[in-house]
Amino acid sequence: MSSSSTPTKEWLVIIPDHSNALEKRLAVRPQHLQALKPKIDAGIVVFGGATLSKQPSEGETPDMTGSAMLIKANTEQEVRDFLENDPYTKGGAWDVSKAQIRPFKCAVRTAM
């Protein structure tokens, strides 16, 4: 994201974790969240979260299998660069080679 203003093109990203990467994911999660904060504040990351193998029962730890997010970027390559430089990738959690990056046009947004 080299531009000083927030890009307006949106990309829906679904990125799986490597097999058996939960421990790696949890180990680098604080760095991942810290790295995202300025991108969230700048409006580049619109939403994001973990994909799960199933809905957890109350009190059960979620079985995270990857991530889904909405990113603003000028090009798909900028999104790929974003993913390559994320702590989840560098820490061995995300399998970037299997990332799905789709142009996206959001029609509805609601606040949490």
PDB file of N, CA and C in Angstrom:
ATOM      1  N   MET A   1       0.835  -1.155   0.000  1.00  0.00           N
ATOM      2  CA  MET A   1       0.000   0.000   0.000  1.00  0.00           C
ATOM      3  C   MET A   1       0.894   1.237   0.000  1.00  0.00           C
ATOM      4  N   SER A   2       1.376   1.580  -1.148  1.00  0.00           N
ATOM      5  CA  SER A   2       2.360   2.637  -1.253  1.00  0.00           C
ATOM      6  C   SER A   2       1.754   4.026  -1.312  1.00  0.00           C
ATOM      7  N   SER A   3       0.500   4.155  -1.637  1.00  0.00           N
ATOM      8  CA  SER A   3      -0.132   5.457  -1.756  1.00  0.00           C
ATOM      9  C   SER A   3      -0.370   6.059  -0.377  1.00  0.00           C
ATOM     10  N   SER A   4      -0.314   7.404  -0.309  1.00  0.00           N
ATOM     11  CA  SER A   4      -0.537   8.060   0.970  1.00  0.00           C
ATOM     12  C   SER A   4      -2.017   8.144   1.309  1.00  0.00           C
ATOM     13  N   SER A   5      -2.903   8.051   0.305  1.00  0.00           N
ATOM     14  CA  SER A   5      -4.327   8.033   0.588  1.00  0.00           C
ATOM     15  C   SER A   5      -4.826   6.588   0.553  1.00  0.00           C
ATOM     16  N   THR A   6      -5.960   6.367   1.210  1.00  0.00           N
ATOM     17  CA  THR A   6      -6.517   5.023   1.263  1.00  0.00           C
ATOM     18  C   THR A   6      -7.030   4.611  -0.113  1.00  0.00           C
ATOM     19  N   PRO A   7      -6.579   3.463  -0.612  1.00  0.00           N
ATOM     20  CA  PRO A   7      -7.089   2.970  -1.897  1.00  0.00           C
ATOM     21  C   PRO A   7      -8.594   2.716  -1.806  1.00  0.00           C
ATOM     22  N   THR A   8      -9.274   2.731  -2.945  1.00  0.00           N
ATOM     23  CA  THR A   8     -10.723   2.513  -2.944  1.00  0.00           C
ATOM     24  C   THR A   8     -11.123   1.156  -3.501  1.00  0.00           C
ATOM     25  N   LYS A   9     -10.203   0.436  -4.121  1.00  0.00           N
ATOM     26  CA  LYS A   9     -10.535  -0.903  -4.617  1.00  0.00           C
ATOM     27  C   LYS A   9     -10.512  -1.876  -3.446  1.00  0.00           C
ATOM     28  N   GLU A  10     -11.527  -2.749  -3.405  1.00  0.00           N
ATOM     29  CA  GLU A  10     -11.628  -3.710  -2.311  1.00  0.00           C
ATOM     30  C   GLU A  10     -11.347  -5.116  -2.807  1.00  0.00           C
ATOM     31  N   TRP A  11     -10.744  -5.920  -1.926  1.00  0.00           N
ATOM     32  CA  TRP A  11     -10.360  -7.289  -2.240  1.00  0.00           C
ATOM     33  C   TRP A  11     -10.791  -8.190  -1.094  1.00  0.00           C
ATOM     34  N   LEU A  12     -11.555  -9.212  -1.417  1.00  0.00           N
ATOM     35  CA  LEU A  12     -11.939 -10.216  -0.437  1.00  0.00           C
ATOM     36  C   LEU A  12     -10.852 -11.285  -0.444  1.00  0.00           C
ATOM     37  N   VAL A  13     -10.290 -11.553   0.719  1.00  0.00           N
ATOM     38  CA  VAL A  13      -9.160 -12.470   0.830  1.00  0.00           C
ATOM     39  C   VAL A  13      -9.525 -13.617   1.762  1.00  0.00           C
ATOM     40  N   ILE A  14      -9.312 -14.833   1.290  1.00  0.00           N
ATOM     41  CA  ILE A  14      -9.463 -16.029   2.117  1.00  0.00           C
ATOM     42  C   ILE A  14      -8.134 -16.759   2.036  1.00  0.00           C
ATOM     43  N   ILE A  15      -7.501 -16.930   3.185  1.00  0.00           N
ATOM     44  CA  ILE A  15      -6.167 -17.510   3.201  1.00  0.00           C
ATOM     45  C   ILE A  15      -6.105 -18.630   4.233  1.00  0.00           C
ATOM     46  N   PRO A  16      -5.812 -19.844   3.791  1.00  0.00           N
ATOM     47  CA  PRO A  16      -5.767 -20.963   4.741  1.00  0.00           C
ATOM     48  C   PRO A  16      -4.460 -20.987   5.529  1.00  0.00           C
ATOM     49  N   ASP A  17      -4.527 -21.601   6.671  1.00  0.00           N
ATOM     50  CA  ASP A  17      -3.311 -21.891   7.428  1.00  0.00           C
ATOM     51  C   ASP A  17      -2.680 -23.153   6.851  1.00  0.00           C
ATOM     52  N   HIS A  18      -1.384 -23.296   7.085  1.00  0.00           N
ATOM     53  CA  HIS A  18      -0.729 -24.573   6.801  1.00  0.00           C
ATOM     54  C   HIS A  18      -1.347 -25.624   7.727  1.00  0.00           C
ATOM     55  N   SER A  19      -1.237 -26.883   7.382  1.00  0.00           N
ATOM     56  CA  SER A  19      -1.735 -27.959   8.239  1.00  0.00           C
ATOM     57  C   SER A  19      -1.049 -27.896   9.599  1.00  0.00           C
ATOM     58  N   ASN A  20      -1.823 -28.124  10.635  1.00  0.00           N
ATOM     59  CA  ASN A  20      -1.313 -28.171  12.011  1.00  0.00           C
ATOM     60  C   ASN A  20      -0.544 -26.919  12.407  1.00  0.00           C
ATOM     61  N   ALA A  21      -1.049 -25.739  12.009  1.00  0.00           N
ATOM     62  CA  ALA A  21      -0.346 -24.485  12.272  1.00  0.00           C
ATOM     63  C   ALA A  21      -0.920 -23.697  13.438  1.00  0.00           C
ATOM     64  N   LEU A  22      -1.847 -24.273  14.190  1.00  0.00           N
ATOM     65  CA  LEU A  22      -2.495 -23.516  15.248  1.00  0.00           C
ATOM     66  C   LEU A  22      -1.499 -22.959  16.265  1.00  0.00           C
ATOM     67  N   GLU A  23      -0.536 -23.763  16.691  1.00  0.00           N
ATOM     68  CA  GLU A  23       0.448 -23.271  17.655  1.00  0.00           C
ATOM     69  C   GLU A  23       1.265 -22.119  17.079  1.00  0.00           C
ATOM     70  N   LYS A  24       1.651 -22.215  15.799  1.00  0.00           N
ATOM     71  CA  LYS A  24       2.396 -21.136  15.156  1.00  0.00           C
ATOM     72  C   LYS A  24       1.543 -19.876  15.073  1.00  0.00           C
ATOM     73  N   ARG A  25       0.265 -20.052  14.735  1.00  0.00           N
ATOM     74  CA  ARG A  25      -0.662 -18.914  14.658  1.00  0.00           C
ATOM     75  C   ARG A  25      -0.757 -18.210  16.005  1.00  0.00           C
ATOM     76  N   LEU A  26      -0.976 -18.997  17.052  1.00  0.00           N
ATOM     77  CA  LEU A  26      -1.132 -18.399  18.381  1.00  0.00           C
ATOM     78  C   LEU A  26       0.151 -17.730  18.847  1.00  0.00           C
ATOM     79  N   ALA A  27       1.309 -18.278  18.464  1.00  0.00           N
ATOM     80  CA  ALA A  27       2.588 -17.708  18.892  1.00  0.00           C
ATOM     81  C   ALA A  27       2.831 -16.318  18.302  1.00  0.00           C
ATOM     82  N   VAL A  28       2.385 -16.094  17.059  1.00  0.00           N
ATOM     83  CA  VAL A  28       2.643 -14.797  16.421  1.00  0.00           C
ATOM     84  C   VAL A  28       1.414 -13.891  16.388  1.00  0.00           C
ATOM     85  N   ARG A  29       0.322 -14.330  16.974  1.00  0.00           N
ATOM     86  CA  ARG A  29      -0.912 -13.534  16.948  1.00  0.00           C
ATOM     87  C   ARG A  29      -0.718 -12.117  17.488  1.00  0.00           C
ATOM     88  N   PRO A  30      -0.007 -11.915  18.625  1.00  0.00           N
ATOM     89  CA  PRO A  30       0.180 -10.539  19.105  1.00  0.00           C
ATOM     90  C   PRO A  30       0.896  -9.645  18.073  1.00  0.00           C
ATOM     91  N   GLN A  31       1.901 -10.178  17.389  1.00  0.00           N
ATOM     92  CA  GLN A  31       2.604  -9.399  16.371  1.00  0.00           C
ATOM     93  C   GLN A  31       1.703  -9.121  15.172  1.00  0.00           C
ATOM     94  N   HIS A  32       0.894 -10.124  14.804  1.00  0.00           N
ATOM     95  CA  HIS A  32      -0.055  -9.960  13.696  1.00  0.00           C
ATOM     96  C   HIS A  32      -1.028  -8.818  14.002  1.00  0.00           C
ATOM     97  N   LEU A  33      -1.612  -8.833  15.186  1.00  0.00           N
ATOM     98  CA  LEU A  33      -2.581  -7.795  15.562  1.00  0.00           C
ATOM     99  C   LEU A  33      -1.920  -6.426  15.666  1.00  0.00           C
ATOM    100  N   GLN A  34      -0.709  -6.381  16.182  1.00  0.00           N
ATOM    101  CA  GLN A  34       0.019  -5.116  16.293  1.00  0.00           C
ATOM    102  C   GLN A  34       0.315  -4.540  14.900  1.00  0.00           C
ATOM    103  N   ALA A  35       0.704  -5.394  13.969  1.00  0.00           N
ATOM    104  CA  ALA A  35       0.997  -4.943  12.608  1.00  0.00           C
ATOM    105  C   ALA A  35      -0.269  -4.478  11.881  1.00  0.00           C
ATOM    106  N   LEU A  36      -1.411  -5.048  12.221  1.00  0.00           N
ATOM    107  CA  LEU A  36      -2.666  -4.661  11.579  1.00  0.00           C
ATOM    108  C   LEU A  36      -3.194  -3.316  12.059  1.00  0.00           C
ATOM    109  N   LYS A  37      -2.907  -2.955  13.296  1.00  0.00           N
ATOM    110  CA  LYS A  37      -3.509  -1.757  13.899  1.00  0.00           C
ATOM    111  C   LYS A  37      -3.384  -0.509  13.020  1.00  0.00           C
ATOM    112  N   PRO A  38      -2.188  -0.153  12.546  1.00  0.00           N
ATOM    113  CA  PRO A  38      -2.124   1.058  11.705  1.00  0.00           C
ATOM    114  C   PRO A  38      -2.879   0.922  10.387  1.00  0.00           C
ATOM    115  N   LYS A  39      -2.970  -0.294   9.861  1.00  0.00           N
ATOM    116  CA  LYS A  39      -3.702  -0.515   8.612  1.00  0.00           C
ATOM    117  C   LYS A  39      -5.216  -0.415   8.846  1.00  0.00           C
ATOM    118  N   ILE A  40      -5.657  -0.839  10.015  1.00  0.00           N
ATOM    119  CA  ILE A  40      -7.067  -0.682  10.377  1.00  0.00           C
ATOM    120  C   ILE A  40      -7.370   0.800  10.562  1.00  0.00           C
ATOM    121  N   ASP A  41      -6.505   1.490  11.302  1.00  0.00           N
ATOM    122  CA  ASP A  41      -6.701   2.923  11.555  1.00  0.00           C
ATOM    123  C   ASP A  41      -6.720   3.732  10.258  1.00  0.00           C
ATOM    124  N   ALA A  42      -5.943   3.289   9.262  1.00  0.00           N
ATOM    125  CA  ALA A  42      -5.880   3.983   7.974  1.00  0.00           C
ATOM    126  C   ALA A  42      -7.017   3.589   7.033  1.00  0.00           C
ATOM    127  N   GLY A  43      -7.851   2.626   7.440  1.00  0.00           N
ATOM    128  CA  GLY A  43      -8.959   2.192   6.598  1.00  0.00           C
ATOM    129  C   GLY A  43      -8.565   1.209   5.510  1.00  0.00           C
ATOM    130  N   ILE A  44      -7.365   0.647   5.595  1.00  0.00           N
ATOM    131  CA  ILE A  44      -6.907  -0.320   4.592  1.00  0.00           C
ATOM    132  C   ILE A  44      -7.471  -1.705   4.872  1.00  0.00           C
ATOM    133  N   VAL A  45      -7.491  -2.105   6.133  1.00  0.00           N
ATOM    134  CA  VAL A  45      -8.125  -3.367   6.521  1.00  0.00           C
ATOM    135  C   VAL A  45      -9.516  -3.011   7.035  1.00  0.00           C
ATOM    136  N   VAL A  46     -10.534  -3.473   6.317  1.00  0.00           N
ATOM    137  CA  VAL A  46     -11.924  -3.138   6.635  1.00  0.00           C
ATOM    138  C   VAL A  46     -12.481  -4.106   7.674  1.00  0.00           C
ATOM    139  N   PHE A  47     -12.222  -5.394   7.471  1.00  0.00           N
ATOM    140  CA  PHE A  47     -12.592  -6.395   8.468  1.00  0.00           C
ATOM    141  C   PHE A  47     -11.678  -7.591   8.310  1.00  0.00           C
ATOM    142  N   GLY A  48     -11.617  -8.406   9.327  1.00  0.00           N
ATOM    143  CA  GLY A  48     -10.818  -9.612   9.252  1.00  0.00           C
ATOM    144  C   GLY A  48     -11.088 -10.496  10.445  1.00  0.00           C
ATOM    145  N   GLY A  49     -10.797 -11.773  10.272  1.00  0.00           N
ATOM    146  CA  GLY A  49     -10.969 -12.709  11.372  1.00  0.00           C
ATOM    147  C   GLY A  49     -10.586 -14.109  10.942  1.00  0.00           C
ATOM    148  N   ALA A  50     -10.650 -15.003  11.889  1.00  0.00           N
ATOM    149  CA  ALA A  50     -10.255 -16.394  11.660  1.00  0.00           C
ATOM    150  C   ALA A  50     -11.391 -17.181  11.020  1.00  0.00           C
ATOM    151  N   THR A  51     -11.022 -18.067  10.097  1.00  0.00           N
ATOM    152  CA  THR A  51     -11.966 -19.061   9.624  1.00  0.00           C
ATOM    153  C   THR A  51     -11.828 -20.264  10.554  1.00  0.00           C
ATOM    154  N   LEU A  52     -12.931 -20.974  10.741  1.00  0.00           N
ATOM    155  CA  LEU A  52     -12.975 -22.064  11.713  1.00  0.00           C
ATOM    156  C   LEU A  52     -13.398 -23.370  11.048  1.00  0.00           C
ATOM    157  N   SER A  53     -12.966 -24.473  11.633  1.00  0.00           N
ATOM    158  CA  SER A  53     -13.390 -25.777  11.112  1.00  0.00           C
ATOM    159  C   SER A  53     -14.855 -26.046  11.449  1.00  0.00           C
ATOM    160  N   LYS A  54     -15.327 -25.428  12.548  1.00  0.00           N
ATOM    161  CA  LYS A  54     -16.731 -25.551  12.962  1.00  0.00           C
ATOM    162  C   LYS A  54     -17.009 -24.468  13.992  1.00  0.00           C
ATOM    163  N   GLN A  55     -18.282 -24.197  14.204  1.00  0.00           N
ATOM    164  CA  GLN A  55     -18.646 -23.259  15.265  1.00  0.00           C
ATOM    165  C   GLN A  55     -18.326 -23.899  16.609  1.00  0.00           C
ATOM    166  N   PRO A  56     -17.564 -23.227  17.465  1.00  0.00           N
ATOM    167  CA  PRO A  56     -17.208 -23.821  18.752  1.00  0.00           C
ATOM    168  C   PRO A  56     -18.393 -23.824  19.718  1.00  0.00           C
ATOM    169  N   SER A  57     -18.431 -24.817  20.555  1.00  0.00           N
ATOM    170  CA  SER A  57     -19.414 -24.846  21.629  1.00  0.00           C
ATOM    171  C   SER A  57     -19.008 -23.804  22.669  1.00  0.00           C
ATOM    172  N   GLU A  58     -19.931 -23.422  23.512  1.00  0.00           N
ATOM    173  CA  GLU A  58     -19.627 -22.435  24.544  1.00  0.00           C
ATOM    174  C   GLU A  58     -18.458 -22.911  25.397  1.00  0.00           C
ATOM    175  N   GLY A  59     -17.434 -22.051  25.534  1.00  0.00           N
ATOM    176  CA  GLY A  59     -16.260 -22.378  26.328  1.00  0.00           C
ATOM    177  C   GLY A  59     -15.186 -23.144  25.586  1.00  0.00           C
ATOM    178  N   GLU A  60     -15.495 -23.626  24.389  1.00  0.00           N
ATOM    179  CA  GLU A  60     -14.539 -24.395  23.603  1.00  0.00           C
ATOM    180  C   GLU A  60     -13.611 -23.440  22.833  1.00  0.00           C
ATOM    181  N   THR A  61     -12.335 -23.770  22.766  1.00  0.00           N
ATOM    182  CA  THR A  61     -11.385 -22.979  21.983  1.00  0.00           C
ATOM    183  C   THR A  61     -11.668 -23.184  20.504  1.00  0.00           C
ATOM    184  N   PRO A  62     -11.810 -22.087  19.740  1.00  0.00           N
ATOM    185  CA  PRO A  62     -12.074 -22.236  18.303  1.00  0.00           C
ATOM    186  C   PRO A  62     -10.921 -22.934  17.595  1.00  0.00           C
ATOM    187  N   ASP A  63     -11.249 -23.800  16.642  1.00  0.00           N
ATOM    188  CA  ASP A  63     -10.256 -24.471  15.815  1.00  0.00           C
ATOM    189  C   ASP A  63     -10.052 -23.621  14.561  1.00  0.00           C
ATOM    190  N   MET A  64      -9.070 -22.724  14.623  1.00  0.00           N
ATOM    191  CA  MET A  64      -8.812 -21.782  13.540  1.00  0.00           C
ATOM    192  C   MET A  64      -8.090 -22.486  12.389  1.00  0.00           C
ATOM    193  N   THR A  65      -8.581 -22.250  11.168  1.00  0.00           N
ATOM    194  CA  THR A  65      -8.032 -22.918   9.983  1.00  0.00           C
ATOM    195  C   THR A  65      -7.465 -21.945   8.958  1.00  0.00           C
ATOM    196  N   GLY A  66      -7.574 -20.664   9.211  1.00  0.00           N
ATOM    197  CA  GLY A  66      -7.104 -19.648   8.275  1.00  0.00           C
ATOM    198  C   GLY A  66      -7.726 -18.315   8.619  1.00  0.00           C
ATOM    199  N   SER A  67      -7.782 -17.437   7.631  1.00  0.00           N
ATOM    200  CA  SER A  67      -8.317 -16.092   7.851  1.00  0.00           C
ATOM    201  C   SER A  67      -9.136 -15.643   6.653  1.00  0.00           C
ATOM    202  N   ALA A  68     -10.049 -14.721   6.916  1.00  0.00           N
ATOM    203  CA  ALA A  68     -10.803 -14.035   5.871  1.00  0.00           C
ATOM    204  C   ALA A  68     -10.747 -12.546   6.189  1.00  0.00           C
ATOM    205  N   MET A  69     -10.611 -11.732   5.162  1.00  0.00           N
ATOM    206  CA  MET A  69     -10.515 -10.291   5.396  1.00  0.00           C
ATOM    207  C   MET A  69     -10.927  -9.512   4.162  1.00  0.00           C
ATOM    208  N   LEU A  70     -11.215  -8.249   4.373  1.00  0.00           N
ATOM    209  CA  LEU A  70     -11.488  -7.315   3.292  1.00  0.00           C
ATOM    210  C   LEU A  70     -10.410  -6.251   3.365  1.00  0.00           C
ATOM    211  N   ILE A  71      -9.643  -6.135   2.272  1.00  0.00           N
ATOM    212  CA  ILE A  71      -8.514  -5.218   2.215  1.00  0.00           C
ATOM    213  C   ILE A  71      -8.726  -4.234   1.079  1.00  0.00           C
ATOM    214  N   LYS A  72      -8.371  -2.976   1.317  1.00  0.00           N
ATOM    215  CA  LYS A  72      -8.373  -1.972   0.259  1.00  0.00           C
ATOM    216  C   LYS A  72      -6.947  -1.854  -0.272  1.00  0.00           C
ATOM    217  N   ALA A  73      -6.820  -1.964  -1.571  1.00  0.00           N
ATOM    218  CA  ALA A  73      -5.522  -1.848  -2.239  1.00  0.00           C
ATOM    219  C   ALA A  73      -5.761  -1.466  -3.692  1.00  0.00           C
ATOM    220  N   ASN A  74      -4.757  -0.879  -4.301  1.00  0.00           N
ATOM    221  CA  ASN A  74      -4.889  -0.482  -5.705  1.00  0.00           C
ATOM    222  C   ASN A  74      -4.795  -1.664  -6.651  1.00  0.00           C
ATOM    223  N   THR A  75      -3.999  -2.685  -6.268  1.00  0.00           N
ATOM    224  CA  THR A  75      -3.788  -3.825  -7.153  1.00  0.00           C
ATOM    225  C   THR A  75      -3.776  -5.129  -6.346  1.00  0.00           C
ATOM    226  N   GLU A  76      -3.981  -6.228  -7.054  1.00  0.00           N
ATOM    227  CA  GLU A  76      -3.890  -7.538  -6.414  1.00  0.00           C
ATOM    228  C   GLU A  76      -2.474  -7.780  -5.892  1.00  0.00           C
ATOM    229  N   GLN A  77      -1.469  -7.280  -6.608  1.00  0.00           N
ATOM    230  CA  GLN A  77      -0.087  -7.455  -6.153  1.00  0.00           C
ATOM    231  C   GLN A  77       0.147  -6.776  -4.805  1.00  0.00           C
ATOM    232  N   GLU A  78      -0.468  -5.631  -4.578  1.00  0.00           N
ATOM    233  CA  GLU A  78      -0.356  -4.978  -3.269  1.00  0.00           C
ATOM    234  C   GLU A  78      -0.940  -5.866  -2.173  1.00  0.00           C
ATOM    235  N   VAL A  79      -2.034  -6.544  -2.479  1.00  0.00           N
ATOM    236  CA  VAL A  79      -2.625  -7.464  -1.500  1.00  0.00           C
ATOM    237  C   VAL A  79      -1.659  -8.613  -1.233  1.00  0.00           C
ATOM    238  N   ARG A  80      -1.086  -9.171  -2.290  1.00  0.00           N
ATOM    239  CA  ARG A  80      -0.122 -10.271  -2.122  1.00  0.00           C
ATOM    240  C   ARG A  80       1.081  -9.824  -1.292  1.00  0.00           C
ATOM    241  N   ASP A  81       1.566  -8.623  -1.538  1.00  0.00           N
ATOM    242  CA  ASP A  81       2.685  -8.085  -0.750  1.00  0.00           C
ATOM    243  C   ASP A  81       2.287  -7.954   0.718  1.00  0.00           C
ATOM    244  N   PHE A  82       1.075  -7.471   0.957  1.00  0.00           N
ATOM    245  CA  PHE A  82       0.537  -7.351   2.311  1.00  0.00           C
ATOM    246  C   PHE A  82       0.572  -8.712   3.013  1.00  0.00           C
ATOM    247  N   LEU A  83       0.077  -9.742   2.321  1.00  0.00           N
ATOM    248  CA  LEU A  83       0.031 -11.086   2.905  1.00  0.00           C
ATOM    249  C   LEU A  83       1.432 -11.637   3.150  1.00  0.00           C
ATOM    250  N   GLU A  84       2.330 -11.468   2.197  1.00  0.00           N
ATOM    251  CA  GLU A  84       3.702 -11.987   2.326  1.00  0.00           C
ATOM    252  C   GLU A  84       4.436 -11.387   3.520  1.00  0.00           C
ATOM    253  N   ASN A  85       4.119 -10.148   3.864  1.00  0.00           N
ATOM    254  CA  ASN A  85       4.825  -9.450   4.930  1.00  0.00           C
ATOM    255  C   ASN A  85       4.146  -9.544   6.286  1.00  0.00           C
ATOM    256  N   ASP A  86       3.029 -10.244   6.366  1.00  0.00           N
ATOM    257  CA  ASP A  86       2.308 -10.378   7.629  1.00  0.00           C
ATOM    258  C   ASP A  86       3.014 -11.372   8.553  1.00  0.00           C
ATOM    259  N   PRO A  87       3.000 -11.115   9.867  1.00  0.00           N
ATOM    260  CA  PRO A  87       3.598 -12.053  10.815  1.00  0.00           C
ATOM    261  C   PRO A  87       3.041 -13.473  10.734  1.00  0.00           C
ATOM    262  N   TYR A  88       1.781 -13.644  10.338  1.00  0.00           N
ATOM    263  CA  TYR A  88       1.250 -15.000  10.206  1.00  0.00           C
ATOM    264  C   TYR A  88       1.982 -15.760   9.090  1.00  0.00           C
ATOM    265  N   THR A  89       2.312 -15.082   8.002  1.00  0.00           N
ATOM    266  CA  THR A  89       3.055 -15.727   6.927  1.00  0.00           C
ATOM    267  C   THR A  89       4.487 -15.993   7.369  1.00  0.00           C
ATOM    268  N   LYS A  90       5.136 -14.966   7.890  1.00  0.00           N
ATOM    269  CA  LYS A  90       6.535 -15.101   8.302  1.00  0.00           C
ATOM    270  C   LYS A  90       6.696 -16.090   9.446  1.00  0.00           C
ATOM    271  N   GLY A  91       5.652 -16.252  10.270  1.00  0.00           N
ATOM    272  CA  GLY A  91       5.699 -17.187  11.385  1.00  0.00           C
ATOM    273  C   GLY A  91       5.270 -18.600  11.029  1.00  0.00           C
ATOM    274  N   GLY A  92       4.930 -18.838   9.775  1.00  0.00           N
ATOM    275  CA  GLY A  92       4.607 -20.185   9.323  1.00  0.00           C
ATOM    276  C   GLY A  92       3.168 -20.620   9.502  1.00  0.00           C
ATOM    277  N   ALA A  93       2.258 -19.674   9.766  1.00  0.00           N
ATOM    278  CA  ALA A  93       0.847 -20.043   9.940  1.00  0.00           C
ATOM    279  C   ALA A  93       0.099 -20.028   8.605  1.00  0.00           C
ATOM    280  N   TRP A  94       0.123 -18.894   7.882  1.00  0.00           N
ATOM    281  CA  TRP A  94      -0.624 -18.778   6.631  1.00  0.00           C
ATOM    282  C   TRP A  94       0.077 -19.494   5.492  1.00  0.00           C
ATOM    283  N   ASP A  95      -0.713 -20.141   4.636  1.00  0.00           N
ATOM    284  CA  ASP A  95      -0.216 -20.745   3.400  1.00  0.00           C
ATOM    285  C   ASP A  95      -0.569 -19.795   2.254  1.00  0.00           C
ATOM    286  N   VAL A  96       0.285 -18.815   2.033  1.00  0.00           N
ATOM    287  CA  VAL A  96       0.025 -17.768   1.045  1.00  0.00           C
ATOM    288  C   VAL A  96      -0.136 -18.331  -0.364  1.00  0.00           C
ATOM    289  N   SER A  97       0.498 -19.449  -0.647  1.00  0.00           N
ATOM    290  CA  SER A  97       0.392 -20.029  -1.994  1.00  0.00           C
ATOM    291  C   SER A  97      -1.043 -20.444  -2.319  1.00  0.00           C
ATOM    292  N   LYS A  98      -1.877 -20.602  -1.303  1.00  0.00           N
ATOM    293  CA  LYS A  98      -3.263 -21.018  -1.517  1.00  0.00           C
ATOM    294  C   LYS A  98      -4.274 -19.896  -1.247  1.00  0.00           C
ATOM    295  N   ALA A  99      -3.773 -18.668  -1.102  1.00  0.00           N
ATOM    296  CA  ALA A  99      -4.667 -17.528  -0.835  1.00  0.00           C
ATOM    297  C   ALA A  99      -5.592 -17.287  -2.023  1.00  0.00           C
ATOM    298  N   GLN A 100      -6.858 -17.023  -1.713  1.00  0.00           N
ATOM    299  CA  GLN A 100      -7.836 -16.610  -2.722  1.00  0.00           C
ATOM    300  C   GLN A 100      -8.011 -15.107  -2.569  1.00  0.00           C
ATOM    301  N   ILE A 101      -7.767 -14.383  -3.636  1.00  0.00           N
ATOM    302  CA  ILE A 101      -7.903 -12.920  -3.619  1.00  0.00           C
ATOM    303  C   ILE A 101      -8.879 -12.564  -4.724  1.00  0.00           C
ATOM    304  N   ARG A 102     -10.012 -11.998  -4.335  1.00  0.00           N
ATOM    305  CA  ARG A 102     -11.075 -11.711  -5.291  1.00  0.00           C
ATOM    306  C   ARG A 102     -11.424 -10.226  -5.267  1.00  0.00           C
ATOM    307  N   PRO A 103     -11.545  -9.596  -6.442  1.00  0.00           N
ATOM    308  CA  PRO A 103     -12.083  -8.240  -6.467  1.00  0.00           C
ATOM    309  C   PRO A 103     -13.470  -8.268  -5.821  1.00  0.00           C
ATOM    310  N   PHE A 104     -13.799  -7.224  -5.080  1.00  0.00           N
ATOM    311  CA  PHE A 104     -15.021  -7.254  -4.278  1.00  0.00           C
ATOM    312  C   PHE A 104     -15.653  -5.871  -4.278  1.00  0.00           C
ATOM    313  N   LYS A 105     -16.953  -5.835  -4.297  1.00  0.00           N
ATOM    314  CA  LYS A 105     -17.705  -4.583  -4.188  1.00  0.00           C
ATOM    315  C   LYS A 105     -18.741  -4.787  -3.095  1.00  0.00           C
ATOM    316  N   CYS A 106     -18.508  -4.203  -1.947  1.00  0.00           N
ATOM    317  CA  CYS A 106     -19.401  -4.371  -0.808  1.00  0.00           C
ATOM    318  C   CYS A 106     -20.694  -3.584  -1.032  1.00  0.00           C
ATOM    319  N   ALA A 107     -21.818  -4.234  -0.824  1.00  0.00           N
ATOM    320  CA  ALA A 107     -23.118  -3.588  -0.983  1.00  0.00           C
ATOM    321  C   ALA A 107     -23.721  -3.185   0.354  1.00  0.00           C
ATOM    322  N   VAL A 108     -23.362  -3.900   1.430  1.00  0.00           N
ATOM    323  CA  VAL A 108     -23.939  -3.632   2.746  1.00  0.00           C
ATOM    324  C   VAL A 108     -22.842  -3.700   3.779  1.00  0.00           C
ATOM    325  N   ARG A 109     -22.834  -2.733   4.707  1.00  0.00           N
ATOM    326  CA  ARG A 109     -21.904  -2.772   5.843  1.00  0.00           C
ATOM    327  C   ARG A 109     -22.696  -2.401   7.081  1.00  0.00           C
ATOM    328  N   THR A 110     -22.485  -3.175   8.113  1.00  0.00           N
ATOM    329  CA  THR A 110     -23.131  -2.872   9.388  1.00  0.00           C
ATOM    330  C   THR A 110     -22.060  -2.831  10.470  1.00  0.00           C
ATOM    331  N   ALA A 111     -22.288  -2.019  11.455  1.00  0.00           N
ATOM    332  CA  ALA A 111     -21.352  -1.936  12.578  1.00  0.00           C
ATOM    333  C   ALA A 111     -21.562  -3.122  13.505  1.00  0.00           C
ATOM    334  N   MET A 112     -20.501  -3.506  14.202  1.00  0.00           N
ATOM    335  CA  MET A 112     -20.606  -4.608  15.165  1.00  0.00           C
ATOM    336  C   MET A 112     -21.401  -4.156  16.372  1.00  0.00           C
TER     337      MET A 112
END
